[in-house]
Structure formats: structure tokens, C-alpha cells
Amino acid sequence: MKRVDQKVAVITGAACGIGRATALLLVREGAKVAVTDINDKAGSDLADEINASGGVARYWHLDTADEDNVQKVFTEVASEFGSIDVLINNAGIAGVDKPTHEISKKEWETLMSVNVTGVFLCTKHAIPYMQKASAGSIINMSSIYGLVGAADLPPYHASKGAVRLMSKNDALIYAKDNIRVNSIHPGFIMTPLVQALAEESPDGAAAFMSQLDSLHPIGHIGEPDDIAYGVLYLASDESRFVTGTELVIDGGYTAR
């Protein structure tokens, strides 16, 4: 069954990890995908891979913190594919890991420009296309750390909490336009970022991964596809009665 047949999906941060898995899954389920990222080679390679397999995709370089860039890309996506039906605000960075009183204003603003302002700008420029169609789904990638704290990464936690509340507020504002807005809250997922952290750990990669696994009652961290399937549900009409909520996909992390 093609669960998102002919829907046009814009995915930010689509070149690797969760974004890549989401792009591949949505295409398999019938969507046309705008692959956007700042990693031009990986993003372009992904679009080529999708097209070679019979799917429909195109790559755009997108700095989500640059409003002119966002507006230009979204205009081109709508012109190329005819609409923007689904927006997945996936792009994000981890930022600095320092106590709050040691973080510089520049370090704070660098993270917020991507994790919060980027979500705002992409939402802002997707909404008019969805209003024109009287339908749409916006899926904002938050985190378990938009729900609970962990005594690290203060800007990251603040940004993911902001994304959660932005999602709820926009869900209320745009419900009258039949535009749904939800957030997803992953636990630790095996992405290139997590793999790099494991390899850099002074305790060794195996010990690092064992510690991460132990944080999740289900016994292990997740895979990008675990999150991609959540995106697929929220992008599809199966979730037509779901808006303003958070979908927690965390192996039980926040159940404790």
C-alpha cells in the first residue's frame, strides 16, 4: 500500500541518519521528496539513488537559518512538484556541552538559529502552500530532551523544548486550515553523530554504546527507520485526527 502516494514532502537535514531513512521510506510509500541539506554531496547522492531506483526526488542546498534560502527553495520545490504537502523539520545540531554559565552568547545563538529559527522559517514558508491546498502535515523533530533533562547540552535541551511548544501552538493556529502539526521525540538513535561520539569516547566505543543501550528499558538504542516509520504515520492520512501532540519513540527512556 502506498501510504503517502503522490504527496510532496520536504525533508530538512535529509542527507544522513534519520533524514535519509525518512526520505527512502517516504519514497517507497509513494511520495515525491525534496531532499534538502547543507551536505551537498551526500544529499545529491541520495536524490540520485532514489531516482535510479524508480522514485522521484531532487536535491536542494538548504540552510534553514537563512530565510532567503528557505523561501527560494520552497518556491522551487512547489514549482517542480506542484505542491508542498508534508514538511519534516529534521535539521538540527547538538551544540556545545558546557554548563549554562560557561556558554557564550554566540554558541547559544548558533544552535538556536538552526534548531529553533530553522523550524520557524521552514514552517513559515511551507504554510501558504498548505493553506492553498487546505491540507498539510508538519512534523517537527524534537527529542526526549524536549521532555526531560539530562544535565548536559543546555542550548540543545532548550531548543527541543521550544520545538515541542511551537508544534502545539501552530497546531492550534492552523487547525482551521486542515494543517496538522506534531512533534516527534526520539531516544538515542544509531546515527553517524552517535557513532562518531562512540568512537571518540575515552572509554571505548563498546563501553559507550553499552551505556547508551542501558538507558533504554527495551535494551538497546534505536535505528533511523524506527523514527522514519513514525514520520510516515504522521505524514499519511492515517493520522488525520492527530495534531498538537508529541510522538515519543524512545525505547521506554522517558517512561521511568
C-alpha atoms as a PDB file:
ATOM      1  CA  MET A   1       0.000   0.000   0.000  1.00  0.00           C
ATOM      2  CA  LYS A   2       1.284   3.468  -0.908  1.00  0.00           C
ATOM      3  CA  ARG A   3       0.603   5.282   2.344  1.00  0.00           C
ATOM      4  CA  VAL A   4       1.698   8.730   1.098  1.00  0.00           C
ATOM      5  CA  ASP A   5       1.052   8.265  -2.603  1.00  0.00           C
ATOM      6  CA  GLN A   6       1.796  11.405  -4.658  1.00  0.00           C
ATOM      7  CA  LYS A   7       2.344  13.587  -1.592  1.00  0.00           C
ATOM      8  CA  VAL A   8       5.226  16.056  -1.861  1.00  0.00           C
ATOM      9  CA  ALA A   9       7.475  16.001   1.192  1.00  0.00           C
ATOM     10  CA  VAL A  10      10.232  18.457   2.072  1.00  0.00           C
ATOM     11  CA  ILE A  11      12.789  16.978   4.453  1.00  0.00           C
ATOM     12  CA  THR A  12      15.440  19.167   6.052  1.00  0.00           C
ATOM     13  CA  GLY A  13      18.700  17.572   7.144  1.00  0.00           C
ATOM     14  CA  ALA A  14      17.880  14.717   4.778  1.00  0.00           C
ATOM     15  CA  ALA A  15      21.378  13.669   3.715  1.00  0.00           C
ATOM     16  CA  CYS A  16      22.064  11.175   6.507  1.00  0.00           C
ATOM     17  CA  GLY A  17      20.720   9.486   9.622  1.00  0.00           C
ATOM     18  CA  ILE A  18      17.025   9.933  10.383  1.00  0.00           C
ATOM     19  CA  GLY A  19      16.511  12.291   7.447  1.00  0.00           C
ATOM     20  CA  ARG A  20      17.942   9.822   4.951  1.00  0.00           C
ATOM     21  CA  ALA A  21      15.925   6.907   6.338  1.00  0.00           C
ATOM     22  CA  THR A  22      12.788   9.035   6.200  1.00  0.00           C
ATOM     23  CA  ALA A  23      13.384  10.051   2.593  1.00  0.00           C
ATOM     24  CA  LEU A  24      13.886   6.462   1.478  1.00  0.00           C
ATOM     25  CA  LEU A  25      10.783   5.233   3.329  1.00  0.00           C
ATOM     26  CA  LEU A  26       8.502   8.005   2.100  1.00  0.00           C
ATOM     27  CA  VAL A  27       9.598   7.375  -1.480  1.00  0.00           C
ATOM     28  CA  ARG A  28       8.869   3.659  -1.100  1.00  0.00           C
ATOM     29  CA  GLU A  29       5.398   4.637   0.076  1.00  0.00           C
ATOM     30  CA  GLY A  30       4.755   6.823  -2.988  1.00  0.00           C
ATOM     31  CA  ALA A  31       5.886  10.323  -2.015  1.00  0.00           C
ATOM     32  CA  LYS A  32       7.918  12.742  -4.085  1.00  0.00           C
ATOM     33  CA  VAL A  33      10.737  14.008  -1.902  1.00  0.00           C
ATOM     34  CA  ALA A  34      12.661  17.258  -1.777  1.00  0.00           C
ATOM     35  CA  VAL A  35      15.965  16.238  -0.209  1.00  0.00           C
ATOM     36  CA  THR A  36      17.445  19.308   1.487  1.00  0.00           C
ATOM     37  CA  ASP A  37      20.656  19.696   3.466  1.00  0.00           C
ATOM     38  CA  ILE A  38      23.932  21.621   3.623  1.00  0.00           C
ATOM     39  CA  ASN A  39      25.871  18.432   2.848  1.00  0.00           C
ATOM     40  CA  ASP A  40      25.659  18.749  -0.913  1.00  0.00           C
ATOM     41  CA  LYS A  41      27.443  15.557  -1.894  1.00  0.00           C
ATOM     42  CA  ALA A  42      25.524  13.242   0.420  1.00  0.00           C
ATOM     43  CA  GLY A  43      22.239  14.957  -0.385  1.00  0.00           C
ATOM     44  CA  SER A  44      22.789  14.850  -4.124  1.00  0.00           C
ATOM     45  CA  ASP A  45      23.874  11.204  -3.915  1.00  0.00           C
ATOM     46  CA  LEU A  46      20.694  10.338  -2.035  1.00  0.00           C
ATOM     47  CA  ALA A  47      18.485  12.026  -4.627  1.00  0.00           C
ATOM     48  CA  ASP A  48      20.353  10.193  -7.387  1.00  0.00           C
ATOM     49  CA  GLU A  49      19.907   6.882  -5.545  1.00  0.00           C
ATOM     50  CA  ILE A  50      16.169   7.477  -5.199  1.00  0.00           C
ATOM     51  CA  ASN A  51      15.723   8.391  -8.855  1.00  0.00           C
ATOM     52  CA  ALA A  52      17.803   5.428 -10.010  1.00  0.00           C
ATOM     53  CA  SER A  53      15.509   3.103  -8.060  1.00  0.00           C
ATOM     54  CA  GLY A  54      12.391   4.495  -9.735  1.00  0.00           C
ATOM     55  CA  GLY A  55      11.402   7.051  -7.107  1.00  0.00           C
ATOM     56  CA  VAL A  56      11.064  10.804  -7.520  1.00  0.00           C
ATOM     57  CA  ALA A  57      13.425  13.157  -5.697  1.00  0.00           C
ATOM     58  CA  ARG A  58      15.559  16.234  -6.170  1.00  0.00           C
ATOM     59  CA  TYR A  59      18.245  17.750  -4.005  1.00  0.00           C
ATOM     60  CA  TRP A  60      18.358  21.374  -2.877  1.00  0.00           C
ATOM     61  CA  HIS A  61      21.054  23.024  -0.774  1.00  0.00           C
ATOM     62  CA  LEU A  62      19.207  24.484   2.202  1.00  0.00           C
ATOM     63  CA  ASP A  63      20.491  26.473   5.153  1.00  0.00           C
ATOM     64  CA  THR A  64      17.366  26.516   7.299  1.00  0.00           C
ATOM     65  CA  ALA A  65      18.581  29.570   9.233  1.00  0.00           C
ATOM     66  CA  ASP A  66      18.751  31.669   6.032  1.00  0.00           C
ATOM     67  CA  GLU A  67      15.271  32.990   5.219  1.00  0.00           C
ATOM     68  CA  ASP A  68      16.104  33.976   1.649  1.00  0.00           C
ATOM     69  CA  ASN A  69      17.439  30.477   1.013  1.00  0.00           C
ATOM     70  CA  VAL A  70      14.352  28.875   2.592  1.00  0.00           C
ATOM     71  CA  GLN A  71      11.937  30.978   0.555  1.00  0.00           C
ATOM     72  CA  LYS A  72      13.810  30.286  -2.691  1.00  0.00           C
ATOM     73  CA  VAL A  73      13.995  26.539  -2.130  1.00  0.00           C
ATOM     74  CA  PHE A  74      10.343  26.188  -1.127  1.00  0.00           C
ATOM     75  CA  THR A  75       9.269  28.190  -4.183  1.00  0.00           C
ATOM     76  CA  GLU A  76      11.333  25.907  -6.405  1.00  0.00           C
ATOM     77  CA  VAL A  77      10.010  22.747  -4.732  1.00  0.00           C
ATOM     78  CA  ALA A  78       6.402  23.827  -5.252  1.00  0.00           C
ATOM     79  CA  SER A  79       7.164  24.743  -8.868  1.00  0.00           C
ATOM     80  CA  GLU A  80       8.949  21.436  -9.518  1.00  0.00           C
ATOM     81  CA  PHE A  81       6.456  19.100  -7.826  1.00  0.00           C
ATOM     82  CA  GLY A  82       3.242  21.143  -7.812  1.00  0.00           C
ATOM     83  CA  SER A  83       2.693  21.393  -4.066  1.00  0.00           C
ATOM     84  CA  ILE A  84       4.157  21.022  -0.596  1.00  0.00           C
ATOM     85  CA  ASP A  85       2.034  18.560   1.345  1.00  0.00           C
ATOM     86  CA  VAL A  86       4.400  17.454   4.099  1.00  0.00           C
ATOM     87  CA  LEU A  87       7.231  19.288   5.873  1.00  0.00           C
ATOM     88  CA  ILE A  88       9.647  17.368   8.068  1.00  0.00           C
ATOM     89  CA  ASN A  89      11.740  19.802  10.106  1.00  0.00           C
ATOM     90  CA  ASN A  90      14.549  17.371  10.835  1.00  0.00           C
ATOM     91  CA  ALA A  91      17.707  19.511  10.562  1.00  0.00           C
ATOM     92  CA  GLY A  92      19.403  20.101  13.881  1.00  0.00           C
ATOM     93  CA  ILE A  93      22.740  20.289  15.676  1.00  0.00           C
ATOM     94  CA  ALA A  94      23.859  19.216  19.149  1.00  0.00           C
ATOM     95  CA  GLY A  95      25.779  22.358  20.047  1.00  0.00           C
ATOM     96  CA  VAL A  96      28.207  22.789  22.914  1.00  0.00           C
ATOM     97  CA  ASP A  97      28.245  20.642  26.026  1.00  0.00           C
ATOM     98  CA  LYS A  98      29.063  23.108  28.798  1.00  0.00           C
ATOM     99  CA  PRO A  99      27.347  24.300  31.969  1.00  0.00           C
ATOM    100  CA  THR A 100      24.971  27.175  31.263  1.00  0.00           C
ATOM    101  CA  HIS A 101      27.203  29.815  32.885  1.00  0.00           C
ATOM    102  CA  GLU A 102      30.121  28.898  30.592  1.00  0.00           C
ATOM    103  CA  ILE A 103      28.211  29.122  27.295  1.00  0.00           C
ATOM    104  CA  SER A 104      28.853  32.165  25.141  1.00  0.00           C
ATOM    105  CA  LYS A 105      26.050  34.105  23.520  1.00  0.00           C
ATOM    106  CA  LYS A 106      27.444  33.155  20.112  1.00  0.00           C
ATOM    107  CA  GLU A 107      27.397  29.436  20.983  1.00  0.00           C
ATOM    108  CA  TRP A 108      23.804  29.758  22.183  1.00  0.00           C
ATOM    109  CA  GLU A 109      22.656  31.667  19.101  1.00  0.00           C
ATOM    110  CA  THR A 110      24.446  29.354  16.672  1.00  0.00           C
ATOM    111  CA  LEU A 111      22.427  26.401  17.911  1.00  0.00           C
ATOM    112  CA  MET A 112      19.157  28.300  18.180  1.00  0.00           C
ATOM    113  CA  SER A 113      19.498  29.588  14.619  1.00  0.00           C
ATOM    114  CA  VAL A 114      19.291  26.020  13.318  1.00  0.00           C
ATOM    115  CA  ASN A 115      17.200  24.157  15.892  1.00  0.00           C
ATOM    116  CA  VAL A 116      14.544  26.819  16.511  1.00  0.00           C
ATOM    117  CA  THR A 117      14.763  29.582  13.911  1.00  0.00           C
ATOM    118  CA  GLY A 118      15.175  26.987  11.164  1.00  0.00           C
ATOM    119  CA  VAL A 119      11.948  25.258  12.220  1.00  0.00           C
ATOM    120  CA  PHE A 120      10.179  28.622  12.326  1.00  0.00           C
ATOM    121  CA  LEU A 121      11.377  29.709   8.890  1.00  0.00           C
ATOM    122  CA  CYS A 122      10.592  26.427   7.146  1.00  0.00           C
ATOM    123  CA  THR A 123       7.144  26.327   8.741  1.00  0.00           C
ATOM    124  CA  LYS A 124       6.522  29.943   7.787  1.00  0.00           C
ATOM    125  CA  HIS A 125       7.295  29.341   4.126  1.00  0.00           C
ATOM    126  CA  ALA A 126       5.515  25.975   3.868  1.00  0.00           C
ATOM    127  CA  ILE A 127       2.228  27.145   5.378  1.00  0.00           C
ATOM    128  CA  PRO A 128       0.982  29.223   2.398  1.00  0.00           C
ATOM    129  CA  TYR A 129       1.262  26.215   0.068  1.00  0.00           C
ATOM    130  CA  MET A 130      -0.629  24.052   2.547  1.00  0.00           C
ATOM    131  CA  GLN A 131      -3.284  26.733   3.049  1.00  0.00           C
ATOM    132  CA  LYS A 132      -3.796  26.857  -0.702  1.00  0.00           C
ATOM    133  CA  ALA A 133      -4.405  23.099  -0.714  1.00  0.00           C
ATOM    134  CA  SER A 134      -6.460  23.196   2.521  1.00  0.00           C
ATOM    135  CA  ALA A 135      -4.340  20.342   3.837  1.00  0.00           C
ATOM    136  CA  GLY A 136      -0.886  19.600   5.146  1.00  0.00           C
ATOM    137  CA  SER A 137       1.223  17.878   7.773  1.00  0.00           C
ATOM    138  CA  ILE A 138       4.181  19.464   9.539  1.00  0.00           C
ATOM    139  CA  ILE A 139       6.379  17.122  11.556  1.00  0.00           C
ATOM    140  CA  ASN A 140       8.949  18.717  13.841  1.00  0.00           C
ATOM    141  CA  MET A 141      11.827  16.617  15.110  1.00  0.00           C
ATOM    142  CA  SER A 142      12.240  17.323  18.804  1.00  0.00           C
ATOM    143  CA  SER A 143      13.855  14.870  21.224  1.00  0.00           C
ATOM    144  CA  ILE A 144      13.376  13.079  24.514  1.00  0.00           C
ATOM    145  CA  TYR A 145      15.315  16.113  25.704  1.00  0.00           C
ATOM    146  CA  GLY A 146      12.384  18.277  24.759  1.00  0.00           C
ATOM    147  CA  LEU A 147      10.523  16.402  27.517  1.00  0.00           C
ATOM    148  CA  VAL A 148      13.115  15.668  30.219  1.00  0.00           C
ATOM    149  CA  GLY A 149      16.505  16.991  31.253  1.00  0.00           C
ATOM    150  CA  ALA A 150      19.853  15.231  31.406  1.00  0.00           C
ATOM    151  CA  ALA A 151      22.218  17.779  32.998  1.00  0.00           C
ATOM    152  CA  ASP A 152      24.070  18.405  29.737  1.00  0.00           C
ATOM    153  CA  LEU A 153      23.808  20.359  26.470  1.00  0.00           C
ATOM    154  CA  PRO A 154      21.720  23.287  27.816  1.00  0.00           C
ATOM    155  CA  PRO A 155      21.109  25.012  24.451  1.00  0.00           C
ATOM    156  CA  TYR A 156      20.050  21.720  22.845  1.00  0.00           C
ATOM    157  CA  HIS A 157      17.555  20.945  25.608  1.00  0.00           C
ATOM    158  CA  ALA A 158      16.125  24.456  25.450  1.00  0.00           C
ATOM    159  CA  SER A 159      15.772  24.263  21.671  1.00  0.00           C
ATOM    160  CA  LYS A 160      13.995  20.913  21.696  1.00  0.00           C
ATOM    161  CA  GLY A 161      11.583  22.099  24.374  1.00  0.00           C
ATOM    162  CA  ALA A 162      10.857  25.110  22.193  1.00  0.00           C
ATOM    163  CA  VAL A 163      10.147  22.886  19.205  1.00  0.00           C
ATOM    164  CA  ARG A 164       7.606  20.901  21.231  1.00  0.00           C
ATOM    165  CA  LEU A 165       5.641  24.016  22.214  1.00  0.00           C
ATOM    166  CA  MET A 166       5.974  25.601  18.767  1.00  0.00           C
ATOM    167  CA  SER A 167       4.347  22.462  17.379  1.00  0.00           C
ATOM    168  CA  LYS A 168       1.415  22.642  19.774  1.00  0.00           C
ATOM    169  CA  ASN A 169       0.836  26.337  19.209  1.00  0.00           C
ATOM    170  CA  ASP A 170       0.981  26.069  15.419  1.00  0.00           C
ATOM    171  CA  ALA A 171      -1.373  23.078  15.604  1.00  0.00           C
ATOM    172  CA  LEU A 172      -3.947  25.361  17.232  1.00  0.00           C
ATOM    173  CA  ILE A 173      -3.385  28.235  14.828  1.00  0.00           C
ATOM    174  CA  TYR A 174      -3.624  26.196  11.633  1.00  0.00           C
ATOM    175  CA  ALA A 175      -6.214  23.561  12.565  1.00  0.00           C
ATOM    176  CA  LYS A 176      -8.826  25.667  10.769  1.00  0.00           C
ATOM    177  CA  ASP A 177      -6.793  25.233   7.569  1.00  0.00           C
ATOM    178  CA  ASN A 178      -6.684  21.433   7.976  1.00  0.00           C
ATOM    179  CA  ILE A 179      -2.939  21.646   8.588  1.00  0.00           C
ATOM    180  CA  ARG A 180      -1.692  19.283  11.277  1.00  0.00           C
ATOM    181  CA  VAL A 181       1.451  19.979  13.313  1.00  0.00           C
ATOM    182  CA  ASN A 182       3.100  17.399  15.557  1.00  0.00           C
ATOM    183  CA  SER A 183       6.479  16.722  17.121  1.00  0.00           C
ATOM    184  CA  ILE A 184       8.485  13.502  17.323  1.00  0.00           C
ATOM    185  CA  HIS A 185      10.695  12.766  20.315  1.00  0.00           C
ATOM    186  CA  PRO A 186      13.352  10.129  19.589  1.00  0.00           C
ATOM    187  CA  GLY A 187      15.503   8.440  22.160  1.00  0.00           C
ATOM    188  CA  PHE A 188      19.116   7.734  21.216  1.00  0.00           C
ATOM    189  CA  ILE A 189      19.293   6.591  17.598  1.00  0.00           C
ATOM    190  CA  MET A 190      22.228   4.983  15.789  1.00  0.00           C
ATOM    191  CA  THR A 191      23.154   7.855  13.502  1.00  0.00           C
ATOM    192  CA  PRO A 192      26.568   8.970  12.211  1.00  0.00           C
ATOM    193  CA  LEU A 193      26.665  11.504  15.062  1.00  0.00           C
ATOM    194  CA  VAL A 194      26.188   8.839  17.737  1.00  0.00           C
ATOM    195  CA  GLN A 195      28.673   6.554  16.012  1.00  0.00           C
ATOM    196  CA  ALA A 196      31.251   9.348  15.990  1.00  0.00           C
ATOM    197  CA  LEU A 197      30.672  10.034  19.684  1.00  0.00           C
ATOM    198  CA  ALA A 198      31.162   6.349  20.427  1.00  0.00           C
ATOM    199  CA  GLU A 199      34.422   6.210  18.518  1.00  0.00           C
ATOM    200  CA  GLU A 200      35.703   9.325  20.295  1.00  0.00           C
ATOM    201  CA  SER A 201      34.765   8.109  23.778  1.00  0.00           C
ATOM    202  CA  PRO A 202      37.764   7.710  26.113  1.00  0.00           C
ATOM    203  CA  ASP A 203      36.126   4.546  27.463  1.00  0.00           C
ATOM    204  CA  GLY A 204      35.977   2.988  24.002  1.00  0.00           C
ATOM    205  CA  ALA A 205      33.126   2.578  21.545  1.00  0.00           C
ATOM    206  CA  ALA A 206      31.820  -0.689  23.018  1.00  0.00           C
ATOM    207  CA  ALA A 207      31.531   0.721  26.540  1.00  0.00           C
ATOM    208  CA  PHE A 208      29.939   3.920  25.239  1.00  0.00           C
ATOM    209  CA  MET A 209      27.283   2.004  23.288  1.00  0.00           C
ATOM    210  CA  SER A 210      26.614  -0.320  26.208  1.00  0.00           C
ATOM    211  CA  GLN A 211      25.947   2.684  28.426  1.00  0.00           C
ATOM    212  CA  LEU A 212      23.550   4.180  25.866  1.00  0.00           C
ATOM    213  CA  ASP A 213      21.745   0.871  25.479  1.00  0.00           C
ATOM    214  CA  SER A 214      21.265   0.654  29.244  1.00  0.00           C
ATOM    215  CA  LEU A 215      19.366   3.961  29.296  1.00  0.00           C
ATOM    216  CA  HIS A 216      16.534   2.405  27.279  1.00  0.00           C
ATOM    217  CA  PRO A 217      14.365  -0.173  29.083  1.00  0.00           C
ATOM    218  CA  ILE A 218      13.852  -2.037  25.815  1.00  0.00           C
ATOM    219  CA  GLY A 219      17.572  -2.857  25.991  1.00  0.00           C
ATOM    220  CA  HIS A 220      19.096  -1.024  23.057  1.00  0.00           C
ATOM    221  CA  ILE A 221      19.118   2.286  21.210  1.00  0.00           C
ATOM    222  CA  GLY A 222      17.020   2.776  18.093  1.00  0.00           C
ATOM    223  CA  GLU A 223      17.664   2.747  14.369  1.00  0.00           C
ATOM    224  CA  PRO A 224      16.810   5.581  11.948  1.00  0.00           C
ATOM    225  CA  ASP A 225      13.966   3.504  10.492  1.00  0.00           C
ATOM    226  CA  ASP A 226      12.296   3.417  13.915  1.00  0.00           C
ATOM    227  CA  ILE A 227      11.818   7.164  13.641  1.00  0.00           C
ATOM    228  CA  ALA A 228      11.107   7.145   9.911  1.00  0.00           C
ATOM    229  CA  TYR A 229       8.057   4.946  10.441  1.00  0.00           C
ATOM    230  CA  GLY A 230       6.725   7.463  12.954  1.00  0.00           C
ATOM    231  CA  VAL A 231       7.197  10.213  10.372  1.00  0.00           C
ATOM    232  CA  LEU A 232       5.394   8.092   7.791  1.00  0.00           C
ATOM    233  CA  TYR A 233       2.387   7.722  10.078  1.00  0.00           C
ATOM    234  CA  LEU A 234       2.168  11.463  10.761  1.00  0.00           C
ATOM    235  CA  ALA A 235       2.685  12.281   7.066  1.00  0.00           C
ATOM    236  CA  SER A 236      -0.087   9.921   5.980  1.00  0.00           C
ATOM    237  CA  ASP A 237      -3.841  10.400   6.133  1.00  0.00           C
ATOM    238  CA  GLU A 238      -3.926   7.630   8.744  1.00  0.00           C
ATOM    239  CA  SER A 239      -3.123  10.337  11.305  1.00  0.00           C
ATOM    240  CA  ARG A 240      -5.809  12.766  10.100  1.00  0.00           C
ATOM    241  CA  PHE A 241      -7.139  13.145  13.681  1.00  0.00           C
ATOM    242  CA  VAL A 242      -3.688  13.695  15.202  1.00  0.00           C
ATOM    243  CA  THR A 243      -2.440  17.228  15.760  1.00  0.00           C
ATOM    244  CA  GLY A 244      -0.726  19.159  18.513  1.00  0.00           C
ATOM    245  CA  THR A 245       0.745  16.056  20.084  1.00  0.00           C
ATOM    246  CA  GLU A 246       4.151  14.523  20.660  1.00  0.00           C
ATOM    247  CA  LEU A 247       5.012  11.080  19.342  1.00  0.00           C
ATOM    248  CA  VAL A 248       7.608   9.596  21.706  1.00  0.00           C
ATOM    249  CA  ILE A 249       9.765   6.871  20.108  1.00  0.00           C
ATOM    250  CA  ASP A 250      12.366   6.190  22.762  1.00  0.00           C
ATOM    251  CA  GLY A 251      12.518   2.531  23.775  1.00  0.00           C
ATOM    252  CA  GLY A 252      10.974   3.440  27.118  1.00  0.00           C
ATOM    253  CA  TYR A 253      13.565   6.067  28.057  1.00  0.00           C
ATOM    254  CA  THR A 254      11.029   8.612  29.364  1.00  0.00           C
ATOM    255  CA  ALA A 255       8.717   6.033  30.976  1.00  0.00           C
ATOM    256  CA  ARG A 256      10.834   5.973  34.120  1.00  0.00           C
END
